[in-house]
Amino acid sequence: MPKMKKGRIILESERIDLTIKRLCYNILESHDDHADICLIGIQPRGIHLADRIYAGLSEISNFETIYYGKLDITFYRDDFRKRETPLKASSTEIDFLIENKVVILIDDVLYTGRTVQAALTALQDFGRPKRVELLSLIDRRFNRHLPIKSDYVGLTVDALNQAYVKVNWAELDGINNVLLFANKEEASRK
């Protein structure tokens, strides 16, 4: 078991599972025609939520095909050249065109909106979607720098600007939960 960092748990594993199931049903309720839907997880951490949404929709729906991809936004970020330490790029795995499809972008935390802006720019390489929707497990609604809003939200967190929300995924962190820290430095302490 990994060493637990100090922080307040705001979602435990069981609640995350229930929240993901609810998000899957929200998607099904919003779309009568499922043939034109595609799910795209934003690398690196959004894909763990996207994997679970994809599995949940596959389990509870009668979709014949669910288009599913993973999008790396590293080189589309507005802070890419401003960092002291270069970002490590992930792979993009989209083997279909998004032309005239409803794209559901998936990320774990919506904070400033800059990640989503980069993802929207990167999506242009794969066609022109009919519509783009956003699904996020955590929405920090009072910290937006850009006018971006989630269509599907697991939990809304109203926290101070310096507060930090960390989503832990079992495959990366050894546990599924969501923690709220007073600041990013507190979250990075071991």
N, C-alpha and C. Protein backbone atom coordinates (compact mmCIF):
# COMPACT_ATOMS: atom_id res chain seq x y z
N MET A 1 0.85 -1.19 0.00
CA MET A 1 0.00 0.00 0.00
C MET A 1 0.88 1.24 0.00
N PRO A 2 0.61 2.20 -0.90
CA PRO A 2 1.46 3.39 -0.96
C PRO A 2 1.30 4.25 0.28
N LYS A 3 2.35 5.01 0.55
CA LYS A 3 2.31 5.93 1.68
C LYS A 3 1.30 7.02 1.39
N MET A 4 0.35 7.26 2.31
CA MET A 4 -0.71 8.22 2.11
C MET A 4 -0.24 9.64 2.41
N LYS A 5 -0.48 10.54 1.51
CA LYS A 5 -0.16 11.94 1.71
C LYS A 5 -1.28 12.59 2.52
N LYS A 6 -0.94 13.64 3.28
CA LYS A 6 -1.96 14.35 4.03
C LYS A 6 -2.82 15.14 3.08
N GLY A 7 -4.07 15.14 3.37
CA GLY A 7 -5.07 15.83 2.55
C GLY A 7 -6.42 15.31 2.97
N ARG A 8 -7.43 16.07 2.69
CA ARG A 8 -8.79 15.66 3.06
C ARG A 8 -9.39 14.85 1.91
N ILE A 9 -9.85 13.66 2.22
CA ILE A 9 -10.48 12.81 1.19
C ILE A 9 -11.87 13.37 0.92
N ILE A 10 -12.12 13.71 -0.35
CA ILE A 10 -13.44 14.22 -0.71
C ILE A 10 -14.25 13.20 -1.52
N LEU A 11 -13.60 12.19 -2.06
CA LEU A 11 -14.28 11.06 -2.70
C LEU A 11 -13.47 9.80 -2.45
N GLU A 12 -14.12 8.79 -1.92
CA GLU A 12 -13.48 7.49 -1.72
C GLU A 12 -13.79 6.59 -2.90
N SER A 13 -13.14 5.47 -2.96
CA SER A 13 -13.22 4.55 -4.09
C SER A 13 -14.66 4.17 -4.45
N GLU A 14 -15.46 3.82 -3.46
CA GLU A 14 -16.84 3.40 -3.72
C GLU A 14 -17.66 4.53 -4.32
N ARG A 15 -17.46 5.74 -3.82
CA ARG A 15 -18.17 6.92 -4.33
C ARG A 15 -17.70 7.25 -5.75
N ILE A 16 -16.42 7.04 -6.02
CA ILE A 16 -15.93 7.26 -7.39
C ILE A 16 -16.63 6.31 -8.35
N ASP A 17 -16.74 5.04 -7.95
CA ASP A 17 -17.42 4.05 -8.79
C ASP A 17 -18.88 4.44 -9.05
N LEU A 18 -19.58 4.87 -8.02
CA LEU A 18 -20.98 5.30 -8.17
C LEU A 18 -21.07 6.54 -9.06
N THR A 19 -20.16 7.46 -8.88
CA THR A 19 -20.14 8.69 -9.67
C THR A 19 -19.91 8.37 -11.14
N ILE A 20 -18.99 7.47 -11.42
CA ILE A 20 -18.72 7.08 -12.81
C ILE A 20 -19.94 6.41 -13.43
N LYS A 21 -20.60 5.58 -12.68
CA LYS A 21 -21.82 4.93 -13.18
C LYS A 21 -22.88 5.99 -13.50
N ARG A 22 -23.03 6.97 -12.62
CA ARG A 22 -24.00 8.05 -12.85
C ARG A 22 -23.64 8.85 -14.10
N LEU A 23 -22.35 9.13 -14.28
CA LEU A 23 -21.91 9.86 -15.47
C LEU A 23 -22.21 9.07 -16.75
N CYS A 24 -22.05 7.77 -16.70
CA CYS A 24 -22.38 6.93 -17.86
C CYS A 24 -23.87 7.03 -18.20
N TYR A 25 -24.71 6.96 -17.18
CA TYR A 25 -26.15 7.08 -17.41
C TYR A 25 -26.51 8.48 -17.91
N ASN A 26 -25.82 9.50 -17.43
CA ASN A 26 -26.05 10.86 -17.92
C ASN A 26 -25.77 10.95 -19.42
N ILE A 27 -24.69 10.32 -19.85
CA ILE A 27 -24.36 10.31 -21.29
C ILE A 27 -25.46 9.62 -22.07
N LEU A 28 -25.90 8.46 -21.61
CA LEU A 28 -26.95 7.72 -22.31
C LEU A 28 -28.25 8.51 -22.37
N GLU A 29 -28.58 9.20 -21.29
CA GLU A 29 -29.81 10.00 -21.27
C GLU A 29 -29.73 11.19 -22.21
N SER A 30 -28.54 11.70 -22.48
CA SER A 30 -28.37 12.88 -23.31
C SER A 30 -28.30 12.58 -24.81
N HIS A 31 -28.12 11.32 -25.16
CA HIS A 31 -27.91 10.98 -26.57
C HIS A 31 -28.82 9.84 -26.99
N ASP A 32 -29.81 10.19 -27.84
CA ASP A 32 -30.69 9.16 -28.39
C ASP A 32 -29.97 8.30 -29.41
N ASP A 33 -29.19 8.96 -30.25
CA ASP A 33 -28.44 8.25 -31.29
C ASP A 33 -27.00 8.10 -30.83
N HIS A 34 -26.61 6.88 -30.55
CA HIS A 34 -25.27 6.64 -30.01
C HIS A 34 -24.23 6.39 -31.11
N ALA A 35 -24.68 6.29 -32.35
CA ALA A 35 -23.76 5.94 -33.43
C ALA A 35 -22.70 7.00 -33.69
N ASP A 36 -23.01 8.25 -33.36
CA ASP A 36 -22.06 9.31 -33.68
C ASP A 36 -21.27 9.82 -32.47
N ILE A 37 -21.26 9.06 -31.39
CA ILE A 37 -20.54 9.47 -30.18
C ILE A 37 -19.14 8.87 -30.18
N CYS A 38 -18.17 9.68 -29.75
CA CYS A 38 -16.84 9.13 -29.51
C CYS A 38 -16.29 9.73 -28.21
N LEU A 39 -15.65 8.89 -27.45
CA LEU A 39 -15.03 9.29 -26.19
C LEU A 39 -13.55 9.51 -26.42
N ILE A 40 -13.03 10.62 -25.89
CA ILE A 40 -11.60 10.87 -26.02
C ILE A 40 -11.06 11.32 -24.67
N GLY A 41 -10.18 10.50 -24.10
CA GLY A 41 -9.53 10.81 -22.84
C GLY A 41 -8.33 11.70 -23.06
N ILE A 42 -8.17 12.71 -22.20
CA ILE A 42 -7.05 13.62 -22.31
C ILE A 42 -5.88 13.05 -21.51
N GLN A 43 -4.75 12.85 -22.20
CA GLN A 43 -3.53 12.34 -21.57
C GLN A 43 -2.94 13.39 -20.64
N PRO A 44 -2.30 13.08 -19.57
CA PRO A 44 -2.03 11.71 -19.13
C PRO A 44 -3.08 11.17 -18.15
N ARG A 45 -3.69 12.00 -17.29
CA ARG A 45 -4.50 11.46 -16.20
C ARG A 45 -5.97 11.29 -16.55
N GLY A 46 -6.44 11.97 -17.57
CA GLY A 46 -7.84 11.85 -17.96
C GLY A 46 -8.18 10.49 -18.54
N ILE A 47 -7.17 9.80 -19.03
CA ILE A 47 -7.44 8.49 -19.66
C ILE A 47 -7.90 7.44 -18.65
N HIS A 48 -7.52 7.59 -17.39
CA HIS A 48 -7.94 6.61 -16.39
C HIS A 48 -9.43 6.73 -16.13
N LEU A 49 -9.94 7.95 -16.11
CA LEU A 49 -11.38 8.16 -16.03
C LEU A 49 -12.05 7.72 -17.33
N ALA A 50 -11.45 8.05 -18.46
CA ALA A 50 -12.01 7.68 -19.76
C ALA A 50 -12.11 6.16 -19.91
N ASP A 51 -11.09 5.43 -19.45
CA ASP A 51 -11.14 3.96 -19.48
C ASP A 51 -12.36 3.45 -18.72
N ARG A 52 -12.62 4.05 -17.57
CA ARG A 52 -13.75 3.62 -16.73
C ARG A 52 -15.09 4.01 -17.36
N ILE A 53 -15.16 5.17 -17.96
CA ILE A 53 -16.39 5.59 -18.65
C ILE A 53 -16.65 4.67 -19.84
N TYR A 54 -15.63 4.38 -20.60
CA TYR A 54 -15.75 3.47 -21.75
C TYR A 54 -16.24 2.09 -21.29
N ALA A 55 -15.63 1.56 -20.25
CA ALA A 55 -16.04 0.24 -19.73
C ALA A 55 -17.48 0.29 -19.20
N GLY A 56 -17.82 1.36 -18.50
CA GLY A 56 -19.18 1.49 -17.97
C GLY A 56 -20.22 1.58 -19.06
N LEU A 57 -19.96 2.37 -20.10
CA LEU A 57 -20.91 2.47 -21.21
C LEU A 57 -21.01 1.15 -21.96
N SER A 58 -19.90 0.46 -22.13
CA SER A 58 -19.91 -0.84 -22.81
C SER A 58 -20.77 -1.84 -22.04
N GLU A 59 -20.72 -1.75 -20.73
CA GLU A 59 -21.46 -2.69 -19.87
C GLU A 59 -22.96 -2.40 -19.84
N ILE A 60 -23.36 -1.14 -19.79
CA ILE A 60 -24.77 -0.83 -19.57
C ILE A 60 -25.53 -0.42 -20.82
N SER A 61 -24.85 -0.29 -21.96
CA SER A 61 -25.53 0.18 -23.16
C SER A 61 -25.59 -0.91 -24.21
N ASN A 62 -26.36 -0.60 -25.24
CA ASN A 62 -26.42 -1.52 -26.37
C ASN A 62 -25.65 -0.94 -27.56
N PHE A 63 -24.61 -0.16 -27.26
CA PHE A 63 -23.78 0.40 -28.32
C PHE A 63 -23.15 -0.75 -29.10
N GLU A 64 -23.29 -0.73 -30.41
CA GLU A 64 -22.58 -1.73 -31.21
C GLU A 64 -21.10 -1.38 -31.27
N THR A 65 -20.84 -0.10 -31.42
CA THR A 65 -19.46 0.39 -31.47
C THR A 65 -19.36 1.64 -30.64
N ILE A 66 -18.35 1.71 -29.80
CA ILE A 66 -18.05 2.94 -29.09
C ILE A 66 -16.67 3.36 -29.54
N TYR A 67 -16.62 4.49 -30.21
CA TYR A 67 -15.31 5.03 -30.61
C TYR A 67 -14.63 5.55 -29.36
N TYR A 68 -13.37 5.16 -29.20
CA TYR A 68 -12.65 5.57 -28.01
C TYR A 68 -11.20 5.85 -28.37
N GLY A 69 -10.72 7.01 -27.93
CA GLY A 69 -9.34 7.38 -28.21
C GLY A 69 -8.70 8.10 -27.03
N LYS A 70 -7.40 8.30 -27.15
CA LYS A 70 -6.61 8.98 -26.13
C LYS A 70 -5.82 10.09 -26.81
N LEU A 71 -5.89 11.29 -26.25
CA LEU A 71 -5.32 12.47 -26.89
C LEU A 71 -4.22 13.07 -26.04
N ASP A 72 -3.03 13.21 -26.64
CA ASP A 72 -1.93 13.92 -25.98
C ASP A 72 -1.97 15.37 -26.40
N ILE A 73 -1.90 16.28 -25.43
CA ILE A 73 -2.00 17.71 -25.71
C ILE A 73 -0.69 18.45 -25.42
N THR A 74 0.36 17.73 -25.13
CA THR A 74 1.62 18.33 -24.67
C THR A 74 2.06 19.51 -25.54
N PHE A 75 2.10 19.32 -26.84
CA PHE A 75 2.64 20.35 -27.72
C PHE A 75 1.60 21.42 -28.08
N TYR A 76 0.40 21.28 -27.58
CA TYR A 76 -0.66 22.27 -27.81
C TYR A 76 -0.87 23.18 -26.60
N ARG A 77 -0.19 22.89 -25.51
CA ARG A 77 -0.35 23.68 -24.28
C ARG A 77 0.25 25.07 -24.45
N ASP A 78 -0.40 26.06 -23.86
CA ASP A 78 0.11 27.43 -23.97
C ASP A 78 1.32 27.68 -23.07
N ASP A 79 1.61 26.76 -22.16
CA ASP A 79 2.78 26.91 -21.29
C ASP A 79 3.91 25.93 -21.65
N PHE A 80 3.81 25.31 -22.81
CA PHE A 80 4.77 24.28 -23.20
C PHE A 80 6.21 24.79 -23.19
N ARG A 81 6.45 25.95 -23.73
CA ARG A 81 7.82 26.49 -23.82
C ARG A 81 8.22 27.32 -22.61
N LYS A 82 7.35 27.47 -21.65
CA LYS A 82 7.63 28.30 -20.49
C LYS A 82 8.09 27.52 -19.27
N ARG A 83 8.14 26.22 -19.35
CA ARG A 83 8.49 25.39 -18.21
C ARG A 83 9.99 25.18 -18.12
N GLU A 84 10.48 25.12 -16.88
CA GLU A 84 11.91 24.83 -16.67
C GLU A 84 12.22 23.39 -17.04
N THR A 85 11.33 22.49 -16.65
CA THR A 85 11.49 21.07 -16.96
C THR A 85 10.53 20.73 -18.09
N PRO A 86 11.03 20.18 -19.19
CA PRO A 86 10.13 19.85 -20.31
C PRO A 86 9.08 18.82 -19.90
N LEU A 87 7.90 18.98 -20.46
CA LEU A 87 6.85 18.01 -20.21
C LEU A 87 7.14 16.73 -20.98
N LYS A 88 6.75 15.62 -20.40
CA LYS A 88 6.91 14.34 -21.08
C LYS A 88 5.65 14.08 -21.90
N ALA A 89 5.84 13.88 -23.17
CA ALA A 89 4.71 13.64 -24.07
C ALA A 89 4.21 12.21 -23.92
N SER A 90 2.91 12.05 -24.04
CA SER A 90 2.27 10.73 -24.06
C SER A 90 1.91 10.45 -25.52
N SER A 91 1.31 9.31 -25.75
CA SER A 91 0.94 8.98 -27.13
C SER A 91 -0.53 9.35 -27.39
N THR A 92 -0.80 9.74 -28.61
CA THR A 92 -2.17 9.94 -29.05
C THR A 92 -2.60 8.66 -29.74
N GLU A 93 -3.75 8.15 -29.36
CA GLU A 93 -4.27 6.91 -29.94
C GLU A 93 -5.70 7.16 -30.40
N ILE A 94 -5.81 7.75 -31.58
CA ILE A 94 -7.13 7.98 -32.18
C ILE A 94 -7.06 7.44 -33.59
N ASP A 95 -7.73 6.30 -33.82
CA ASP A 95 -7.66 5.65 -35.14
C ASP A 95 -8.98 5.81 -35.90
N PHE A 96 -9.65 6.93 -35.70
CA PHE A 96 -10.91 7.22 -36.38
C PHE A 96 -10.99 8.73 -36.58
N LEU A 97 -11.81 9.15 -37.53
CA LEU A 97 -12.04 10.57 -37.74
C LEU A 97 -13.19 11.02 -36.84
N ILE A 98 -13.09 12.24 -36.36
CA ILE A 98 -14.16 12.77 -35.50
C ILE A 98 -15.15 13.62 -36.31
N GLU A 99 -14.96 13.66 -37.61
CA GLU A 99 -15.81 14.45 -38.50
C GLU A 99 -17.29 14.10 -38.27
N ASN A 100 -18.09 15.12 -37.97
CA ASN A 100 -19.54 14.98 -37.76
C ASN A 100 -19.92 14.06 -36.61
N LYS A 101 -19.02 13.84 -35.68
CA LYS A 101 -19.33 13.04 -34.50
C LYS A 101 -19.46 13.95 -33.29
N VAL A 102 -20.13 13.45 -32.26
CA VAL A 102 -20.18 14.15 -30.98
C VAL A 102 -19.00 13.63 -30.17
N VAL A 103 -18.05 14.50 -29.90
CA VAL A 103 -16.86 14.13 -29.14
C VAL A 103 -17.12 14.45 -27.68
N ILE A 104 -16.92 13.47 -26.82
CA ILE A 104 -16.98 13.71 -25.39
C ILE A 104 -15.54 13.65 -24.88
N LEU A 105 -14.99 14.83 -24.61
CA LEU A 105 -13.64 14.93 -24.03
C LEU A 105 -13.73 14.58 -22.56
N ILE A 106 -12.76 13.82 -22.06
CA ILE A 106 -12.81 13.36 -20.68
C ILE A 106 -11.50 13.71 -19.98
N ASP A 107 -11.62 14.39 -18.83
CA ASP A 107 -10.46 14.69 -18.01
C ASP A 107 -10.85 14.56 -16.54
N ASP A 108 -9.85 14.32 -15.69
CA ASP A 108 -10.16 14.08 -14.29
C ASP A 108 -10.54 15.35 -13.54
N VAL A 109 -9.83 16.46 -13.78
CA VAL A 109 -10.12 17.71 -13.07
C VAL A 109 -10.21 18.86 -14.06
N LEU A 110 -11.30 19.62 -14.00
CA LEU A 110 -11.41 20.86 -14.76
C LEU A 110 -11.07 21.98 -13.81
N TYR A 111 -9.99 22.69 -14.10
CA TYR A 111 -9.50 23.74 -13.20
C TYR A 111 -9.55 25.08 -13.93
N THR A 112 -8.49 25.45 -14.63
CA THR A 112 -8.46 26.75 -15.31
C THR A 112 -9.12 26.71 -16.68
N GLY A 113 -9.19 25.54 -17.28
CA GLY A 113 -9.74 25.40 -18.62
C GLY A 113 -8.67 25.35 -19.70
N ARG A 114 -7.43 25.58 -19.33
CA ARG A 114 -6.35 25.61 -20.32
C ARG A 114 -6.06 24.24 -20.93
N THR A 115 -6.21 23.18 -20.15
CA THR A 115 -6.03 21.83 -20.70
C THR A 115 -7.08 21.55 -21.76
N VAL A 116 -8.31 21.94 -21.48
CA VAL A 116 -9.40 21.71 -22.44
C VAL A 116 -9.17 22.55 -23.70
N GLN A 117 -8.71 23.77 -23.53
CA GLN A 117 -8.40 24.61 -24.69
C GLN A 117 -7.36 23.93 -25.58
N ALA A 118 -6.33 23.38 -24.97
CA ALA A 118 -5.29 22.67 -25.73
C ALA A 118 -5.88 21.43 -26.42
N ALA A 119 -6.76 20.73 -25.73
CA ALA A 119 -7.39 19.54 -26.32
C ALA A 119 -8.26 19.92 -27.51
N LEU A 120 -8.99 21.01 -27.41
CA LEU A 120 -9.82 21.46 -28.53
C LEU A 120 -8.96 21.79 -29.75
N THR A 121 -7.82 22.41 -29.52
CA THR A 121 -6.90 22.73 -30.61
C THR A 121 -6.35 21.44 -31.22
N ALA A 122 -5.94 20.50 -30.38
CA ALA A 122 -5.38 19.24 -30.87
C ALA A 122 -6.41 18.42 -31.65
N LEU A 123 -7.68 18.51 -31.25
CA LEU A 123 -8.74 17.75 -31.94
C LEU A 123 -8.88 18.14 -33.40
N GLN A 124 -8.53 19.35 -33.74
CA GLN A 124 -8.66 19.82 -35.12
C GLN A 124 -7.88 18.97 -36.10
N ASP A 125 -6.86 18.28 -35.62
CA ASP A 125 -6.07 17.39 -36.48
C ASP A 125 -6.85 16.15 -36.92
N PHE A 126 -8.00 15.90 -36.29
CA PHE A 126 -8.74 14.66 -36.55
C PHE A 126 -10.10 14.91 -37.19
N GLY A 127 -10.35 16.12 -37.64
CA GLY A 127 -11.61 16.42 -38.31
C GLY A 127 -12.40 17.48 -37.56
N ARG A 128 -13.57 17.77 -38.10
CA ARG A 128 -14.44 18.78 -37.51
C ARG A 128 -15.63 18.07 -36.86
N PRO A 129 -15.70 18.06 -35.54
CA PRO A 129 -16.80 17.37 -34.89
C PRO A 129 -18.12 18.12 -35.04
N LYS A 130 -19.21 17.38 -34.93
CA LYS A 130 -20.53 17.99 -34.91
C LYS A 130 -20.68 18.84 -33.66
N ARG A 131 -20.18 18.31 -32.54
CA ARG A 131 -20.24 19.00 -31.25
C ARG A 131 -19.18 18.40 -30.34
N VAL A 132 -18.71 19.19 -29.40
CA VAL A 132 -17.77 18.71 -28.39
C VAL A 132 -18.40 18.94 -27.02
N GLU A 133 -18.41 17.90 -26.21
CA GLU A 133 -18.90 17.98 -24.83
C GLU A 133 -17.74 17.64 -23.91
N LEU A 134 -17.87 18.04 -22.67
CA LEU A 134 -16.79 17.81 -21.71
C LEU A 134 -17.33 17.07 -20.50
N LEU A 135 -16.60 16.03 -20.10
CA LEU A 135 -16.91 15.27 -18.89
C LEU A 135 -15.70 15.38 -17.97
N SER A 136 -15.96 15.77 -16.72
CA SER A 136 -14.87 15.82 -15.74
C SER A 136 -15.35 15.23 -14.43
N LEU A 137 -14.47 14.50 -13.78
CA LEU A 137 -14.80 13.93 -12.48
C LEU A 137 -14.94 15.04 -11.45
N ILE A 138 -14.01 16.00 -11.47
CA ILE A 138 -14.02 17.12 -10.53
C ILE A 138 -14.05 18.43 -11.31
N ASP A 139 -14.95 19.31 -10.93
CA ASP A 139 -15.03 20.63 -11.55
C ASP A 139 -14.76 21.68 -10.48
N ARG A 140 -13.65 22.39 -10.64
CA ARG A 140 -13.31 23.50 -9.73
C ARG A 140 -13.83 24.78 -10.38
N ARG A 141 -15.10 25.01 -10.26
CA ARG A 141 -15.79 26.02 -11.05
C ARG A 141 -15.37 27.46 -10.80
N PHE A 142 -14.82 27.79 -9.65
CA PHE A 142 -14.48 29.18 -9.36
C PHE A 142 -13.06 29.54 -9.76
N ASN A 143 -12.37 28.66 -10.44
CA ASN A 143 -10.96 28.90 -10.77
C ASN A 143 -10.71 28.97 -12.27
N ARG A 144 -11.74 29.23 -13.05
CA ARG A 144 -11.61 29.22 -14.50
C ARG A 144 -10.89 30.45 -15.01
N HIS A 145 -9.97 30.23 -15.95
CA HIS A 145 -9.31 31.33 -16.67
C HIS A 145 -9.98 31.55 -18.02
N LEU A 146 -10.66 30.54 -18.51
CA LEU A 146 -11.30 30.57 -19.82
C LEU A 146 -12.77 30.18 -19.68
N PRO A 147 -13.63 30.62 -20.59
CA PRO A 147 -15.06 30.31 -20.47
C PRO A 147 -15.38 28.88 -20.92
N ILE A 148 -14.97 27.93 -20.13
CA ILE A 148 -15.15 26.51 -20.43
C ILE A 148 -15.93 25.89 -19.28
N LYS A 149 -16.90 25.03 -19.63
CA LYS A 149 -17.78 24.43 -18.63
C LYS A 149 -17.98 22.95 -18.96
N SER A 150 -18.04 22.11 -17.92
CA SER A 150 -18.30 20.69 -18.12
C SER A 150 -19.78 20.45 -18.40
N ASP A 151 -20.04 19.52 -19.32
CA ASP A 151 -21.41 19.09 -19.58
C ASP A 151 -21.81 17.98 -18.61
N TYR A 152 -20.83 17.20 -18.18
CA TYR A 152 -21.05 16.11 -17.24
C TYR A 152 -20.04 16.26 -16.11
N VAL A 153 -20.52 16.36 -14.89
CA VAL A 153 -19.65 16.62 -13.74
C VAL A 153 -19.90 15.57 -12.66
N GLY A 154 -18.82 14.99 -12.16
CA GLY A 154 -18.92 14.05 -11.05
C GLY A 154 -19.15 14.78 -9.74
N LEU A 155 -18.29 15.75 -9.43
CA LEU A 155 -18.37 16.49 -8.18
C LEU A 155 -17.83 17.90 -8.42
N THR A 156 -18.55 18.88 -7.92
CA THR A 156 -18.09 20.27 -7.99
C THR A 156 -17.41 20.61 -6.68
N VAL A 157 -16.20 21.16 -6.79
CA VAL A 157 -15.43 21.53 -5.60
C VAL A 157 -15.24 23.04 -5.63
N ASP A 158 -15.75 23.68 -4.60
CA ASP A 158 -15.55 25.13 -4.44
C ASP A 158 -14.43 25.32 -3.44
N ALA A 159 -13.26 25.63 -3.94
CA ALA A 159 -12.08 25.75 -3.08
C ALA A 159 -11.34 27.04 -3.43
N LEU A 160 -10.52 27.48 -2.50
CA LEU A 160 -9.70 28.66 -2.73
C LEU A 160 -8.73 28.42 -3.86
N ASN A 161 -8.27 29.50 -4.48
CA ASN A 161 -7.36 29.41 -5.62
C ASN A 161 -6.14 28.56 -5.36
N GLN A 162 -5.52 28.69 -4.19
CA GLN A 162 -4.29 27.96 -3.92
C GLN A 162 -4.54 26.49 -3.55
N ALA A 163 -5.79 26.12 -3.29
CA ALA A 163 -6.11 24.73 -2.97
C ALA A 163 -5.79 23.84 -4.17
N TYR A 164 -5.55 22.57 -3.91
CA TYR A 164 -5.15 21.64 -4.95
C TYR A 164 -5.97 20.36 -4.81
N VAL A 165 -6.53 19.92 -5.91
CA VAL A 165 -7.31 18.68 -5.94
C VAL A 165 -6.48 17.62 -6.66
N LYS A 166 -6.33 16.47 -6.05
CA LYS A 166 -5.54 15.37 -6.63
C LYS A 166 -6.42 14.14 -6.74
N VAL A 167 -6.56 13.63 -7.95
CA VAL A 167 -7.29 12.39 -8.18
C VAL A 167 -6.26 11.27 -8.24
N ASN A 168 -6.41 10.30 -7.38
CA ASN A 168 -5.53 9.12 -7.37
C ASN A 168 -6.24 7.97 -8.07
N TRP A 169 -5.51 7.32 -8.96
CA TRP A 169 -6.03 6.16 -9.69
C TRP A 169 -5.21 4.94 -9.27
N ALA A 170 -5.88 3.83 -9.07
CA ALA A 170 -5.24 2.61 -8.57
C ALA A 170 -4.05 2.20 -9.44
N GLU A 171 -4.19 2.30 -10.75
CA GLU A 171 -3.11 1.84 -11.62
C GLU A 171 -1.87 2.73 -11.56
N LEU A 172 -2.01 3.96 -11.10
CA LEU A 172 -0.86 4.87 -10.95
C LEU A 172 -0.43 5.05 -9.51
N ASP A 173 -1.41 5.19 -8.63
CA ASP A 173 -1.16 5.61 -7.25
C ASP A 173 -1.45 4.53 -6.22
N GLY A 174 -1.96 3.39 -6.67
CA GLY A 174 -2.24 2.29 -5.75
C GLY A 174 -3.57 2.39 -5.03
N ILE A 175 -4.33 3.46 -5.28
CA ILE A 175 -5.61 3.67 -4.60
C ILE A 175 -6.47 4.60 -5.45
N ASN A 176 -7.79 4.40 -5.38
CA ASN A 176 -8.73 5.30 -6.04
C ASN A 176 -9.33 6.22 -4.99
N ASN A 177 -9.05 7.51 -5.09
CA ASN A 177 -9.70 8.50 -4.25
C ASN A 177 -9.40 9.89 -4.78
N VAL A 178 -10.08 10.87 -4.21
CA VAL A 178 -9.84 12.27 -4.56
C VAL A 178 -9.52 13.00 -3.27
N LEU A 179 -8.40 13.72 -3.28
CA LEU A 179 -7.95 14.46 -2.10
C LEU A 179 -7.96 15.95 -2.37
N LEU A 180 -8.24 16.71 -1.32
CA LEU A 180 -8.17 18.17 -1.37
C LEU A 180 -7.06 18.60 -0.43
N PHE A 181 -6.10 19.37 -0.98
CA PHE A 181 -4.97 19.88 -0.20
C PHE A 181 -5.09 21.39 -0.09
N ALA A 182 -4.44 21.96 0.93
CA ALA A 182 -4.45 23.41 1.11
C ALA A 182 -3.72 24.10 -0.04
N ASN A 183 -2.68 23.44 -0.59
CA ASN A 183 -1.93 24.00 -1.72
C ASN A 183 -1.17 22.90 -2.42
N LYS A 184 -0.60 23.21 -3.57
CA LYS A 184 0.11 22.22 -4.37
C LYS A 184 1.36 21.69 -3.69
N GLU A 185 2.04 22.55 -2.92
CA GLU A 185 3.25 22.12 -2.21
C GLU A 185 2.90 21.04 -1.19
N GLU A 186 1.80 21.20 -0.48
CA GLU A 186 1.37 20.19 0.49
C GLU A 186 1.08 18.87 -0.22
N ALA A 187 0.51 18.93 -1.39
CA ALA A 187 0.18 17.73 -2.14
C ALA A 187 1.44 17.00 -2.62
N SER A 188 2.51 17.73 -2.87
CA SER A 188 3.72 17.10 -3.42
C SER A 188 4.64 16.54 -2.34
N ARG A 189 4.38 16.87 -1.06
CA ARG A 189 5.21 16.32 0.01
C ARG A 189 4.95 14.84 0.18
N LYS A 190 5.98 14.11 0.41
CA LYS A 190 5.84 12.66 0.62
C LYS A 190 5.65 12.35 2.08
